[in-house]
Amino acid sequence: MMEKTWRWFGKKDKITLPMLRQIGVEGIVTALHDIPNGEIWTIEAINALKSYIESYGLRWSVVESLPVCEAIKYGGTEREQLIENYKVSLTNLGKCGIKTVCYNFMPVIDWIRTDLQYLCPDGTSSLYYDRIRFAYFDMKILEREGAEKDYTEEELHKVSELDQVITEKEKDDLIDTIIVKTQGFVNGNIKEGDKEPVVLFKRLLTLYKDINRDILRENMCHFLSAIMPVCEEYGVNMCVHPDDPPFQVLGLPRIVTNEEDIAWFLNAVDNPHNGLTFCAGSLSAGEHNDTRELAKKFAKRTHFIHLRSTAAMPGGNFIESSHLSGRGHLIDLIRIFEKENPGLPMRVDHGRMMLGDEDKGYNRVILYIDYEKMCDFDKKYPGLNLVNYFHNNYGIYHLNEDQRIAFLNLYRDLRHELTKKNSGYQSRVEIATIYWLYKLLSLKHDSTQIHAVINSPKELSASNISAYLEANYTKELALDTISDELFMSKYYMCRIFKEYTGFTITEYVNTLRIKKATQILESSNLSISDVAAELGFESASYFERIFKKIMNVTPLKYRKTQQSVTIEHEELNTLDDSDYID
């Protein structure tokens, strides 16, 4: 099974590590962004970031990226010293147990778009590449010598037409998008706030004046040959990112664009540590590439996967598509890699912006509930009435912070159970699912988006009971106490709760307690008696009986099983990537 990773840009990232853990992320893709390109990554700096990531229960799985300086690419006088620095950084990463390094060998500009918020017909926005606008930038703004030779007569005519109507703001936006925002957000050659970015960019282009495709290939081969001994010694896998877009731009050679290019660099330095970052988005942006065929051919030499997709359009334009559409064929790719090279780290990338995501810094969860499953649950727990509810109620749920955390924790727990499949997991999954659905039904949400959830006093009563139980389940709870606190008749309270949840109050409280008990048993060395006392059980023997009834295993055996799983996992982490099998 693929390792689920996420690119994280450090402690200032709006998406925090606790958020990522809650949505099921296992590994972090990041880099030492504060170290200037070409300088050595020290063991101290690597371990500091690694420890910070691990403190949140995650692991640093992939470096993206350890930048390859321009002088290495064009073969400048300082090339050899920069390669030596790179080798030291790789050595230190390997010593710290970080075994996968994504990099690119694109001259000057590593990814290109002409619009970062292109408006789609459905109201979402996406990254977009417009060939005519890029040609305008190339010829009219950069004024690159000989640029017109790279475009057809029809394209030149369209550029002339655009020149008649384009505004100064649109010109500034092109500059900002192409050579500032896309390049400067992390370790780029040009940064936000740089004066005269066009002048700086043109200066960079001159470095490659005499560098053609063959020379750039030779320089890449020289670089890879130099670092492979280090990679072999420390088990570090290098994986080059395809050129984005996968065709020639600005008179610069691009050498990782298609099947022939990939085969060349893999064969030129034929070492298992020399591999590919399979970016489905970059590759699918070229109509000449079939991502499925490329995956089949190069799966064994792939060390990292970017799951995103693009839709290529006539005239050389392309747009980032939704993940299940476009030319990326992501579902097919997942099947191919799971078969041919399972266990690879993958991260979902790009996609569509919607509903104000760009301003709010949050991710959306789309919940799909299968009709047949809803029918099954309704038969078993008639109080839920899922089929009727979701037929009449659908839309956007606006969660407060506590609700968000609660739902993401439930999601994480479900994924954990379904992945590990430890003894009794089916029962735990069913209980957690029922609990999740019941909480969903009890949410109050935006009446402009969805009908009111709580439709009757009985439903409100059931919701209030569950809220009280969830807040107090570790205490000694008596039915008389609960009914007094909620101002309900004891008999009415029990009947309503059973009707709407399928649980008795005692069953529900015990379920909450046992769910918490599993977490304590996994994360602490408390005695069974202390765990029982902490969770409000009247005795250790009663706790053990209830635990075994729900989990089909004793608390002690459960703890031993979890410790065994943890030890095995730690042992696996000591293996080189080439030896790791999921």
Protein backbone atom coordinates (compact mmCIF):
# COMPACT_ATOMS: atom_id res chain seq x y z
CA MET A 1 0.00 0.00 0.00
CA MET A 2 1.32 3.45 -0.90
CA GLU A 3 2.63 5.66 1.89
CA LYS A 4 0.31 8.66 2.22
CA THR A 5 2.45 11.80 2.32
CA TRP A 6 1.89 15.54 2.20
CA ARG A 7 4.14 18.42 1.24
CA TRP A 8 4.63 20.69 4.23
CA PHE A 9 6.50 23.98 4.02
CA GLY A 10 7.64 24.22 7.62
CA LYS A 11 6.36 25.73 10.83
CA LYS A 12 4.89 28.76 9.05
CA ASP A 13 2.69 26.59 6.82
CA LYS A 14 -1.05 27.25 7.31
CA ILE A 15 -1.58 23.51 7.17
CA THR A 16 -0.12 22.31 10.46
CA LEU A 17 1.27 18.91 11.37
CA PRO A 18 -1.63 18.15 13.76
CA MET A 19 -4.03 18.80 10.87
CA LEU A 20 -2.11 16.45 8.62
CA ARG A 21 -2.05 13.67 11.16
CA GLN A 22 -5.79 14.00 11.65
CA ILE A 23 -6.55 13.52 7.95
CA GLY A 24 -4.55 10.31 7.71
CA VAL A 25 -1.16 11.57 6.51
CA GLU A 26 1.67 9.19 7.39
CA GLY A 27 4.77 10.83 5.97
CA ILE A 28 5.89 14.42 5.49
CA VAL A 29 7.51 15.77 2.34
CA THR A 30 9.58 18.83 3.17
CA ALA A 31 13.02 20.43 3.12
CA LEU A 32 15.31 22.75 5.06
CA HIS A 33 13.88 25.78 3.32
CA ASP A 34 15.87 28.26 5.41
CA ILE A 35 19.26 26.99 4.17
CA PRO A 36 20.44 28.81 1.02
CA ASN A 37 20.85 26.73 -2.11
CA GLY A 38 24.27 25.14 -2.33
CA GLU A 39 25.05 25.20 1.39
CA ILE A 40 25.45 22.02 3.42
CA TRP A 41 22.55 20.54 5.35
CA THR A 42 24.05 19.67 8.72
CA ILE A 43 23.10 16.65 10.81
CA GLU A 44 21.99 19.00 13.58
CA ALA A 45 19.62 20.91 11.31
CA ILE A 46 18.22 17.73 9.75
CA ASN A 47 17.64 16.04 13.10
CA ALA A 48 16.02 19.16 14.56
CA LEU A 49 13.35 19.19 11.84
CA LYS A 50 13.03 15.41 11.87
CA SER A 51 12.44 15.39 15.64
CA TYR A 52 9.87 18.16 15.34
CA ILE A 53 7.94 16.17 12.73
CA GLU A 54 8.16 12.98 14.78
CA SER A 55 6.87 14.78 17.87
CA TYR A 56 3.50 14.88 16.11
CA GLY A 57 3.49 11.17 15.35
CA LEU A 58 4.60 11.62 11.73
CA ARG A 59 7.80 10.85 9.84
CA TRP A 60 9.94 12.78 7.40
CA SER A 61 9.60 10.49 4.40
CA VAL A 62 10.80 12.51 1.40
CA VAL A 63 13.02 15.53 0.84
CA GLU A 64 11.48 17.87 -1.71
CA SER A 65 13.81 19.18 -2.52
CA LEU A 66 17.52 19.34 -2.04
CA PRO A 67 18.03 21.94 -4.79
CA VAL A 68 20.57 21.40 -7.55
CA CYS A 69 22.28 24.76 -8.10
CA GLU A 70 22.31 26.33 -11.54
CA ALA A 71 26.13 26.10 -11.76
CA ILE A 72 25.84 22.30 -11.55
CA LYS A 73 23.33 22.33 -14.39
CA TYR A 74 25.24 24.61 -16.76
CA GLY A 75 28.70 23.49 -15.60
CA GLY A 76 30.01 26.65 -13.94
CA THR A 77 33.43 27.04 -12.37
CA GLU A 78 32.04 26.33 -8.88
CA ARG A 79 30.33 23.13 -9.99
CA GLU A 80 32.67 20.65 -8.29
CA GLN A 81 32.53 22.40 -4.91
CA LEU A 82 28.73 22.55 -5.10
CA ILE A 83 28.61 18.82 -5.91
CA GLU A 84 30.86 18.11 -2.91
CA ASN A 85 28.49 20.12 -0.71
CA TYR A 86 25.58 18.17 -2.16
CA LYS A 87 27.30 14.87 -1.36
CA VAL A 88 27.83 15.95 2.26
CA SER A 89 24.14 16.90 2.56
CA LEU A 90 23.13 13.51 1.12
CA THR A 91 25.47 11.77 3.55
CA ASN A 92 23.91 13.60 6.48
CA LEU A 93 20.38 12.82 5.28
CA GLY A 94 21.29 9.15 4.97
CA LYS A 95 22.84 9.08 8.46
CA CYS A 96 19.60 10.60 9.81
CA GLY A 97 17.51 7.91 8.13
CA ILE A 98 15.93 10.03 5.39
CA LYS A 99 16.25 7.96 2.25
CA THR A 100 14.29 9.61 -0.57
CA VAL A 101 15.31 12.87 -2.26
CA CYS A 102 13.23 14.52 -4.98
CA TYR A 103 15.04 17.07 -7.15
CA ASN A 104 14.85 18.58 -10.61
CA PHE A 105 17.31 19.37 -13.38
CA MET A 106 15.31 22.12 -15.10
CA PRO A 107 17.36 25.18 -16.11
CA VAL A 108 16.36 28.52 -14.52
CA ILE A 109 12.63 27.89 -14.24
CA ASP A 110 11.23 24.71 -12.74
CA TRP A 111 7.49 25.07 -13.36
CA ILE A 112 5.50 27.42 -15.53
CA ARG A 113 1.93 28.71 -15.45
CA THR A 114 0.43 31.88 -16.88
CA ASP A 115 -2.53 32.02 -14.49
CA LEU A 116 -2.68 30.77 -10.89
CA GLN A 117 -6.44 31.24 -10.52
CA TYR A 118 -7.97 30.53 -13.89
CA LEU A 119 -11.75 30.60 -13.55
CA CYS A 120 -13.46 27.39 -14.66
CA PRO A 121 -17.08 27.22 -15.89
CA ASP A 122 -18.23 25.61 -12.62
CA GLY A 123 -16.87 28.51 -10.56
CA THR A 124 -13.76 26.75 -9.29
CA SER A 125 -10.29 28.00 -10.17
CA SER A 126 -7.16 26.21 -11.28
CA LEU A 127 -3.59 26.62 -12.48
CA TYR A 128 -3.44 27.28 -16.22
CA TYR A 129 -0.86 27.51 -18.99
CA ASP A 130 -1.76 29.65 -21.99
CA ARG A 131 0.79 29.22 -24.76
CA ILE A 132 -0.02 32.53 -26.48
CA ARG A 133 0.29 34.52 -23.27
CA PHE A 134 3.54 32.76 -22.50
CA ALA A 135 4.77 33.55 -26.02
CA TYR A 136 3.83 37.19 -25.40
CA PHE A 137 5.87 37.14 -22.20
CA ASP A 138 8.78 35.56 -24.06
CA MET A 139 8.82 37.95 -27.03
CA LYS A 140 7.35 41.22 -25.75
CA ILE A 141 8.38 41.34 -22.09
CA LEU A 142 11.63 39.39 -21.99
CA GLU A 143 12.41 40.39 -25.57
CA ARG A 144 14.45 37.21 -25.85
CA GLU A 145 16.70 37.18 -28.92
CA GLY A 146 15.41 34.78 -31.55
CA ALA A 147 12.26 33.96 -29.58
CA GLU A 148 10.02 34.25 -32.65
CA LYS A 149 11.74 31.18 -34.16
CA ASP A 150 10.12 28.99 -31.47
CA TYR A 151 6.56 29.79 -32.54
CA THR A 152 4.41 29.16 -35.60
CA GLU A 153 3.13 31.89 -37.91
CA GLU A 154 -0.34 31.47 -36.45
CA GLU A 155 1.02 31.86 -32.90
CA LEU A 156 2.99 34.96 -33.87
CA HIS A 157 -0.18 36.46 -35.33
CA LYS A 158 -2.10 35.77 -32.11
CA VAL A 159 0.69 37.37 -30.07
CA SER A 160 0.42 40.51 -32.24
CA GLU A 161 -3.33 40.59 -31.66
CA LEU A 162 -2.84 40.21 -27.92
CA ASP A 163 -0.31 43.05 -27.97
CA GLN A 164 -3.06 45.39 -29.15
CA VAL A 165 -5.37 44.75 -26.21
CA ILE A 166 -3.28 43.61 -23.25
CA THR A 167 -3.22 46.01 -20.29
CA GLU A 168 -0.27 47.05 -18.17
CA LYS A 169 -1.78 45.22 -15.22
CA GLU A 170 -2.02 42.03 -17.26
CA LYS A 171 1.65 42.41 -18.20
CA ASP A 172 2.60 42.87 -14.54
CA ASP A 173 0.49 39.85 -13.62
CA LEU A 174 2.32 37.72 -16.20
CA ILE A 175 5.67 38.75 -14.76
CA ASP A 176 4.48 38.09 -11.23
CA THR A 177 3.01 34.69 -12.09
CA ILE A 178 5.76 33.31 -14.34
CA ILE A 179 8.95 34.45 -12.65
CA VAL A 180 8.02 35.50 -9.11
CA LYS A 181 5.16 33.55 -7.52
CA THR A 182 5.84 30.19 -9.17
CA GLN A 183 9.59 30.42 -8.65
CA GLY A 184 9.89 32.41 -5.48
CA PHE A 185 7.59 30.69 -3.04
CA VAL A 186 10.36 28.36 -1.87
CA ASN A 187 14.12 28.36 -2.60
CA GLY A 188 13.66 29.99 -5.99
CA ASN A 189 16.09 32.00 -8.04
CA ILE A 190 13.82 35.05 -7.77
CA LYS A 191 11.94 35.96 -4.62
CA GLU A 192 9.01 38.12 -3.65
CA GLY A 193 10.22 41.66 -3.22
CA ASP A 194 13.17 41.39 -5.62
CA LYS A 195 13.57 44.57 -7.65
CA GLU A 196 13.54 44.31 -11.42
CA PRO A 197 12.67 40.59 -11.63
CA VAL A 198 12.74 40.68 -15.44
CA VAL A 199 16.33 41.92 -15.43
CA LEU A 200 17.32 39.20 -12.95
CA PHE A 201 15.54 36.56 -15.00
CA LYS A 202 17.22 37.60 -18.25
CA ARG A 203 20.58 37.46 -16.51
CA LEU A 204 19.87 33.86 -15.49
CA LEU A 205 18.96 32.95 -19.05
CA THR A 206 22.32 34.18 -20.31
CA LEU A 207 24.04 31.51 -18.20
CA TYR A 208 22.64 28.92 -20.60
CA LYS A 209 23.46 30.77 -23.81
CA ASP A 210 25.79 28.01 -25.02
CA ILE A 211 24.09 25.07 -23.28
CA ASN A 212 22.17 22.76 -25.58
CA ARG A 213 20.31 19.55 -24.88
CA ASP A 214 23.36 17.31 -25.24
CA ILE A 215 25.50 19.42 -22.90
CA LEU A 216 22.75 19.56 -20.27
CA ARG A 217 22.45 15.78 -20.48
CA GLU A 218 26.20 15.43 -20.00
CA ASN A 219 26.04 17.71 -16.95
CA MET A 220 23.22 15.69 -15.42
CA CYS A 221 25.16 12.48 -16.02
CA HIS A 222 28.24 14.04 -14.39
CA PHE A 223 26.20 15.05 -11.34
CA LEU A 224 24.53 11.65 -10.94
CA SER A 225 27.78 9.74 -11.40
CA ALA A 226 29.40 11.86 -8.69
CA ILE A 227 26.69 11.34 -6.08
CA MET A 228 25.82 7.67 -6.66
CA PRO A 229 28.60 6.29 -4.43
CA VAL A 230 27.13 8.29 -1.52
CA CYS A 231 23.64 7.09 -2.37
CA GLU A 232 24.84 3.47 -2.43
CA GLU A 233 26.66 3.81 0.91
CA TYR A 234 23.71 5.35 2.76
CA GLY A 235 20.78 3.88 0.86
CA VAL A 236 19.51 7.20 -0.46
CA ASN A 237 17.23 7.15 -3.50
CA MET A 238 17.44 10.12 -5.87
CA CYS A 239 14.31 10.76 -7.95
CA VAL A 240 14.25 13.48 -10.58
CA HIS A 241 11.04 15.40 -11.20
CA PRO A 242 9.94 15.57 -14.87
CA ASP A 243 10.11 18.92 -16.60
CA ASP A 244 7.02 21.04 -16.10
CA PRO A 245 5.78 21.54 -18.73
CA PRO A 246 7.35 18.62 -20.62
CA PHE A 247 8.54 20.59 -23.64
CA GLN A 248 11.15 23.21 -24.55
CA VAL A 249 10.65 26.80 -23.34
CA LEU A 250 12.57 30.08 -23.54
CA GLY A 251 15.26 28.51 -25.67
CA LEU A 252 16.26 26.36 -22.68
CA PRO A 253 16.88 22.64 -23.09
CA ARG A 254 14.49 20.33 -21.21
CA ILE A 255 15.73 16.78 -20.78
CA VAL A 256 13.08 14.91 -18.72
CA THR A 257 10.01 15.27 -20.93
CA ASN A 258 9.06 11.86 -22.34
CA GLU A 259 9.77 8.14 -22.45
CA GLU A 260 13.01 8.52 -24.40
CA ASP A 261 14.35 11.12 -21.95
CA ILE A 262 13.52 9.02 -18.89
CA ALA A 263 15.08 5.91 -20.38
CA TRP A 264 18.20 7.90 -21.25
CA PHE A 265 19.03 9.22 -17.78
CA LEU A 266 18.16 5.90 -16.11
CA ASN A 267 20.45 4.02 -18.48
CA ALA A 268 23.18 6.68 -18.54
CA VAL A 269 23.72 6.13 -14.82
CA ASP A 270 22.30 2.65 -14.41
CA ASN A 271 22.01 2.45 -10.64
CA PRO A 272 18.87 1.51 -8.66
CA HIS A 273 19.35 4.66 -6.54
CA ASN A 274 19.01 6.79 -9.68
CA GLY A 275 15.28 6.98 -10.22
CA LEU A 276 12.19 8.96 -11.12
CA THR A 277 9.61 11.09 -9.34
CA PHE A 278 6.55 10.05 -11.30
CA CYS A 279 4.60 13.30 -11.53
CA ALA A 280 1.42 12.45 -13.39
CA GLY A 281 0.55 16.13 -13.74
CA SER A 282 3.77 17.20 -15.40
CA LEU A 283 3.86 14.21 -17.72
CA SER A 284 0.18 14.43 -18.69
CA ALA A 285 0.58 18.10 -19.70
CA GLY A 286 2.26 16.85 -22.87
CA GLU A 287 -0.05 15.20 -25.41
CA HIS A 288 2.85 12.96 -26.43
CA ASN A 289 2.80 11.18 -23.06
CA ASP A 290 0.54 8.34 -21.91
CA THR A 291 0.96 8.22 -18.11
CA ARG A 292 -0.27 4.64 -17.87
CA GLU A 293 2.27 3.30 -20.35
CA LEU A 294 5.05 5.30 -18.69
CA ALA A 295 4.08 3.92 -15.29
CA LYS A 296 4.17 0.35 -16.55
CA LYS A 297 7.59 0.90 -18.12
CA PHE A 298 9.28 2.79 -15.27
CA ALA A 299 7.48 1.63 -12.11
CA LYS A 300 10.51 -0.28 -10.83
CA ARG A 301 12.73 2.81 -11.09
CA THR A 302 10.17 5.15 -9.52
CA HIS A 303 10.88 6.24 -5.93
CA PHE A 304 8.16 8.86 -5.38
CA ILE A 305 4.77 9.65 -6.92
CA HIS A 306 2.87 12.92 -7.44
CA LEU A 307 -0.80 12.22 -8.02
CA ARG A 308 -2.23 15.13 -9.96
CA SER A 309 -3.75 15.44 -13.39
CA THR A 310 -3.93 17.92 -16.24
CA ALA A 311 -6.14 18.38 -19.26
CA ALA A 312 -4.12 19.18 -22.38
CA MET A 313 -5.89 21.43 -24.88
CA PRO A 314 -5.41 22.28 -28.54
CA GLY A 315 -2.70 24.83 -29.22
CA GLY A 316 -0.41 23.74 -26.39
CA ASN A 317 -2.56 24.99 -23.51
CA PHE A 318 -3.19 22.87 -20.42
CA ILE A 319 -5.02 23.17 -17.11
CA GLU A 320 -4.82 21.39 -13.77
CA SER A 321 -7.88 19.16 -13.77
CA SER A 322 -9.73 17.54 -10.92
CA HIS A 323 -7.93 14.45 -9.70
CA LEU A 324 -10.35 11.96 -11.21
CA SER A 325 -10.40 13.55 -14.66
CA GLY A 326 -7.86 14.72 -17.21
CA ARG A 327 -4.98 12.83 -18.76
CA GLY A 328 -3.33 11.76 -15.52
CA HIS A 329 -5.50 8.60 -15.16
CA LEU A 330 -4.75 8.53 -11.44
CA ILE A 331 -6.86 5.49 -10.53
CA ASP A 332 -5.11 3.44 -13.21
CA LEU A 333 -1.73 4.68 -11.98
CA ILE A 334 -2.50 3.67 -8.41
CA ARG A 335 -3.36 0.16 -9.57
CA ILE A 336 -0.17 -0.07 -11.63
CA PHE A 337 2.15 1.10 -8.87
CA GLU A 338 0.42 -0.98 -6.18
CA LYS A 339 1.10 -4.01 -8.36
CA GLU A 340 4.56 -3.18 -9.68
CA ASN A 341 6.20 -1.26 -6.82
CA PRO A 342 4.03 -1.23 -3.68
CA GLY A 343 4.89 0.88 -0.66
CA LEU A 344 6.08 3.96 -2.56
CA PRO A 345 5.48 7.35 -0.95
CA MET A 346 2.88 9.36 -2.83
CA ARG A 347 1.35 12.76 -2.40
CA VAL A 348 -1.72 14.31 -3.93
CA ASP A 349 -0.84 17.59 -5.60
CA HIS A 350 -2.57 20.70 -6.96
CA GLY A 351 -6.24 20.32 -7.97
CA ARG A 352 -9.10 22.83 -7.99
CA MET A 353 -9.70 25.73 -5.62
CA MET A 354 -13.28 26.18 -4.48
CA LEU A 355 -15.51 27.73 -1.84
CA GLY A 356 -12.90 30.24 -0.72
CA ASP A 357 -10.14 27.72 0.01
CA GLU A 358 -7.47 30.13 -1.12
CA ASP A 359 -8.33 32.56 1.68
CA LYS A 360 -9.20 30.21 4.49
CA GLY A 361 -6.30 27.80 4.49
CA TYR A 362 -8.41 24.68 5.09
CA ASN A 363 -9.18 21.46 3.31
CA ARG A 364 -12.59 20.06 2.60
CA VAL A 365 -13.77 16.53 3.33
CA ILE A 366 -16.29 15.02 0.94
CA LEU A 367 -18.30 12.25 2.60
CA TYR A 368 -19.94 9.64 0.36
CA ILE A 369 -22.25 7.10 2.00
CA ASP A 370 -23.22 4.08 -0.07
CA TYR A 371 -26.99 3.55 -0.40
CA GLU A 372 -26.86 -0.19 0.29
CA LYS A 373 -24.72 0.40 3.37
CA MET A 374 -27.23 2.96 4.60
CA CYS A 375 -30.00 0.39 4.20
CA ASP A 376 -27.97 -2.17 6.14
CA PHE A 377 -27.36 0.27 8.98
CA ASP A 378 -31.03 1.28 9.04
CA LYS A 379 -32.05 -2.37 9.49
CA LYS A 380 -29.59 -2.85 12.32
CA TYR A 381 -30.03 0.60 13.92
CA PRO A 382 -33.51 1.85 12.95
CA GLY A 383 -33.16 4.98 15.00
CA LEU A 384 -30.60 6.39 12.55
CA ASN A 385 -33.01 6.40 9.57
CA LEU A 386 -30.09 7.20 7.21
CA VAL A 387 -31.82 6.60 3.91
CA ASN A 388 -34.57 9.08 4.64
CA TYR A 389 -32.24 11.61 6.19
CA PHE A 390 -29.66 11.81 3.41
CA HIS A 391 -32.38 11.79 0.77
CA ASN A 392 -33.81 14.99 2.22
CA ASN A 393 -30.71 16.61 3.63
CA TYR A 394 -27.48 17.31 1.81
CA GLY A 395 -25.10 20.21 1.44
CA ILE A 396 -22.29 21.92 3.30
CA TYR A 397 -21.64 21.38 6.99
CA HIS A 398 -19.82 24.26 8.65
CA LEU A 399 -17.90 22.77 11.58
CA ASN A 400 -16.51 24.66 14.52
CA GLU A 401 -13.01 23.81 15.72
CA ASP A 402 -14.11 21.18 18.24
CA GLN A 403 -16.37 19.48 15.70
CA ARG A 404 -13.63 19.53 13.06
CA ILE A 405 -11.10 17.94 15.38
CA ALA A 406 -13.61 15.32 16.53
CA PHE A 407 -14.51 14.29 13.00
CA LEU A 408 -10.91 14.16 11.83
CA ASN A 409 -9.97 12.07 14.85
CA LEU A 410 -12.74 9.64 13.99
CA TYR A 411 -11.53 9.51 10.40
CA ARG A 412 -7.98 8.84 11.53
CA ASP A 413 -9.11 6.06 13.86
CA LEU A 414 -11.12 4.39 11.11
CA ARG A 415 -8.19 4.48 8.71
CA HIS A 416 -5.93 3.04 11.40
CA GLU A 417 -8.28 0.16 12.11
CA LEU A 418 -8.85 -0.67 8.44
CA THR A 419 -5.11 -0.56 7.72
CA LYS A 420 -3.84 -2.58 10.70
CA LYS A 421 -6.77 -5.05 10.88
CA ASN A 422 -5.85 -6.11 14.39
CA SER A 423 -7.99 -8.54 16.32
CA GLY A 424 -11.58 -7.35 16.64
CA TYR A 425 -11.17 -4.50 14.17
CA GLN A 426 -14.50 -5.17 12.41
CA SER A 427 -16.43 -4.45 15.59
CA ARG A 428 -14.44 -1.30 16.29
CA VAL A 429 -14.95 -0.03 12.73
CA GLU A 430 -18.71 -0.60 12.94
CA ILE A 431 -18.98 1.14 16.31
CA ALA A 432 -16.90 4.10 15.14
CA THR A 433 -18.92 4.36 11.91
CA ILE A 434 -22.25 4.38 13.78
CA TYR A 435 -20.91 6.96 16.17
CA TRP A 436 -19.69 9.12 13.27
CA LEU A 437 -22.99 8.95 11.43
CA TYR A 438 -24.96 9.70 14.55
CA LYS A 439 -22.84 12.75 15.24
CA LEU A 440 -23.30 13.86 11.64
CA LEU A 441 -27.04 13.68 12.04
CA SER A 442 -26.88 15.75 15.21
CA LEU A 443 -24.96 18.66 13.67
CA LYS A 444 -26.51 22.07 13.34
CA HIS A 445 -25.51 23.62 10.07
CA ASP A 446 -26.12 26.44 7.64
CA SER A 447 -29.84 26.53 6.86
CA THR A 448 -29.09 28.23 3.56
CA GLN A 449 -27.15 25.20 2.45
CA ILE A 450 -29.08 22.32 4.03
CA HIS A 451 -32.29 21.60 5.87
CA ALA A 452 -32.24 21.65 9.65
CA VAL A 453 -30.92 18.38 11.08
CA ILE A 454 -32.74 18.33 14.37
CA ASN A 455 -36.38 18.12 13.36
CA SER A 456 -38.10 17.24 16.62
CA PRO A 457 -37.83 17.57 20.41
CA LYS A 458 -37.02 13.85 20.59
CA GLU A 459 -34.03 14.26 18.28
CA LEU A 460 -32.85 17.23 20.29
CA SER A 461 -33.16 15.20 23.49
CA ALA A 462 -31.13 12.33 22.02
CA SER A 463 -28.47 14.79 20.87
CA ASN A 464 -28.27 16.38 24.33
CA ILE A 465 -27.94 12.98 25.99
CA SER A 466 -25.06 11.92 23.72
CA ALA A 467 -23.29 15.24 24.27
CA TYR A 468 -23.55 14.83 28.03
CA LEU A 469 -22.26 11.25 27.90
CA GLU A 470 -19.31 12.20 25.72
CA ALA A 471 -18.32 14.95 28.14
CA ASN A 472 -18.67 12.80 31.27
CA TYR A 473 -18.06 9.17 30.29
CA THR A 474 -14.96 8.85 32.52
CA LYS A 475 -17.00 9.70 35.61
CA GLU A 476 -19.18 7.36 37.65
CA LEU A 477 -22.49 7.73 35.85
CA ALA A 478 -25.86 6.69 37.24
CA LEU A 479 -29.10 7.00 35.29
CA ASP A 480 -30.63 9.07 38.06
CA THR A 481 -27.73 11.51 37.92
CA ILE A 482 -27.92 11.88 34.15
CA SER A 483 -31.68 12.39 34.17
CA ASP A 484 -31.39 15.02 36.91
CA GLU A 485 -28.67 16.88 35.00
CA LEU A 486 -30.71 16.87 31.78
CA PHE A 487 -34.11 17.46 33.41
CA MET A 488 -35.60 14.34 31.85
CA SER A 489 -37.49 11.39 33.14
CA LYS A 490 -35.12 8.44 33.49
CA TYR A 491 -37.44 6.15 31.55
CA TYR A 492 -38.07 8.70 28.77
CA MET A 493 -34.34 9.34 28.50
CA CYS A 494 -33.47 5.65 28.12
CA ARG A 495 -36.25 5.00 25.60
CA ILE A 496 -35.44 8.02 23.38
CA PHE A 497 -31.69 7.35 23.36
CA LYS A 498 -32.18 3.71 22.39
CA GLU A 499 -34.69 4.68 19.71
CA TYR A 500 -32.39 7.18 18.00
CA THR A 501 -28.98 5.52 18.43
CA GLY A 502 -29.58 1.79 18.66
CA PHE A 503 -27.54 1.78 21.91
CA THR A 504 -28.59 1.67 25.51
CA ILE A 505 -26.98 4.41 27.56
CA THR A 506 -24.78 1.85 29.31
CA GLU A 507 -23.67 0.37 25.98
CA TYR A 508 -22.87 3.80 24.60
CA VAL A 509 -20.85 4.82 27.68
CA ASN A 510 -18.94 1.55 27.64
CA THR A 511 -18.18 1.98 23.95
CA LEU A 512 -16.74 5.44 24.60
CA ARG A 513 -14.71 4.12 27.52
CA ILE A 514 -13.31 1.15 25.61
CA LYS A 515 -12.40 3.36 22.64
CA LYS A 516 -10.44 5.58 25.04
CA ALA A 517 -8.97 2.52 26.76
CA THR A 518 -7.40 1.30 23.51
CA GLN A 519 -5.64 4.65 23.13
CA ILE A 520 -4.33 4.53 26.73
CA LEU A 521 -3.15 0.94 26.37
CA GLU A 522 -1.29 1.81 23.16
CA SER A 523 0.36 4.97 24.47
CA SER A 524 1.07 4.36 28.18
CA ASN A 525 2.31 1.78 30.69
CA LEU A 526 -0.54 2.26 33.15
CA SER A 527 -1.67 -0.91 34.87
CA ILE A 528 -4.99 -2.47 33.88
CA SER A 529 -6.42 -1.44 37.25
CA ASP A 530 -5.29 2.17 36.77
CA VAL A 531 -6.79 2.28 33.26
CA ALA A 532 -10.08 0.96 34.62
CA ALA A 533 -10.11 3.55 37.41
CA GLU A 534 -9.23 6.40 35.06
CA LEU A 535 -12.16 5.54 32.81
CA GLY A 536 -14.73 5.24 35.59
CA PHE A 537 -15.17 1.47 35.75
CA GLU A 538 -16.26 0.17 39.13
CA SER A 539 -13.59 -2.56 39.08
CA ALA A 540 -10.75 -3.93 36.99
CA SER A 541 -12.59 -7.21 36.49
CA TYR A 542 -15.66 -5.44 35.11
CA PHE A 543 -13.43 -3.37 32.80
CA GLU A 544 -11.72 -6.53 31.53
CA ARG A 545 -15.08 -8.22 30.90
CA ILE A 546 -16.48 -5.25 28.95
CA PHE A 547 -13.22 -4.78 27.03
CA LYS A 548 -13.19 -8.41 25.93
CA LYS A 549 -16.87 -8.28 24.98
CA ILE A 550 -16.33 -5.32 22.65
CA MET A 551 -12.78 -6.00 21.42
CA ASN A 552 -12.80 -9.83 21.47
CA VAL A 553 -9.49 -9.76 23.32
CA THR A 554 -8.37 -8.99 26.88
CA PRO A 555 -6.81 -5.58 27.65
CA LEU A 556 -3.45 -7.19 28.44
CA LYS A 557 -3.38 -9.16 25.20
CA TYR A 558 -4.45 -6.08 23.26
CA ARG A 559 -1.54 -4.11 24.74
CA LYS A 560 0.95 -6.86 23.91
CA THR A 561 -0.36 -7.08 20.35
CA GLN A 562 -0.01 -3.32 19.87
CA GLN A 563 3.50 -3.32 21.30
CA SER A 564 4.44 -6.10 18.91
CA VAL A 565 3.08 -4.14 15.97
CA THR A 566 5.05 -1.08 17.09
CA ILE A 567 8.30 -3.02 17.40
CA GLU A 568 7.85 -4.55 13.97
CA HIS A 569 7.18 -1.13 12.51
CA GLU A 570 10.31 0.29 14.08
CA GLU A 571 12.35 -2.58 12.70
CA LEU A 572 10.97 -1.96 9.23
CA ASN A 573 12.03 1.65 9.47
CA THR A 574 15.66 0.57 9.81
CA LEU A 575 15.61 -1.04 6.37
CA ASP A 576 16.79 0.72 3.25
CA ASP A 577 14.10 1.83 0.84
CA SER A 578 15.26 -0.82 -1.59
CA ASP A 579 14.49 -3.51 1.02
CA TYR A 580 11.21 -2.13 2.28
CA ILE A 581 8.06 -4.06 1.47
CA ASP A 582 4.67 -2.81 2.65
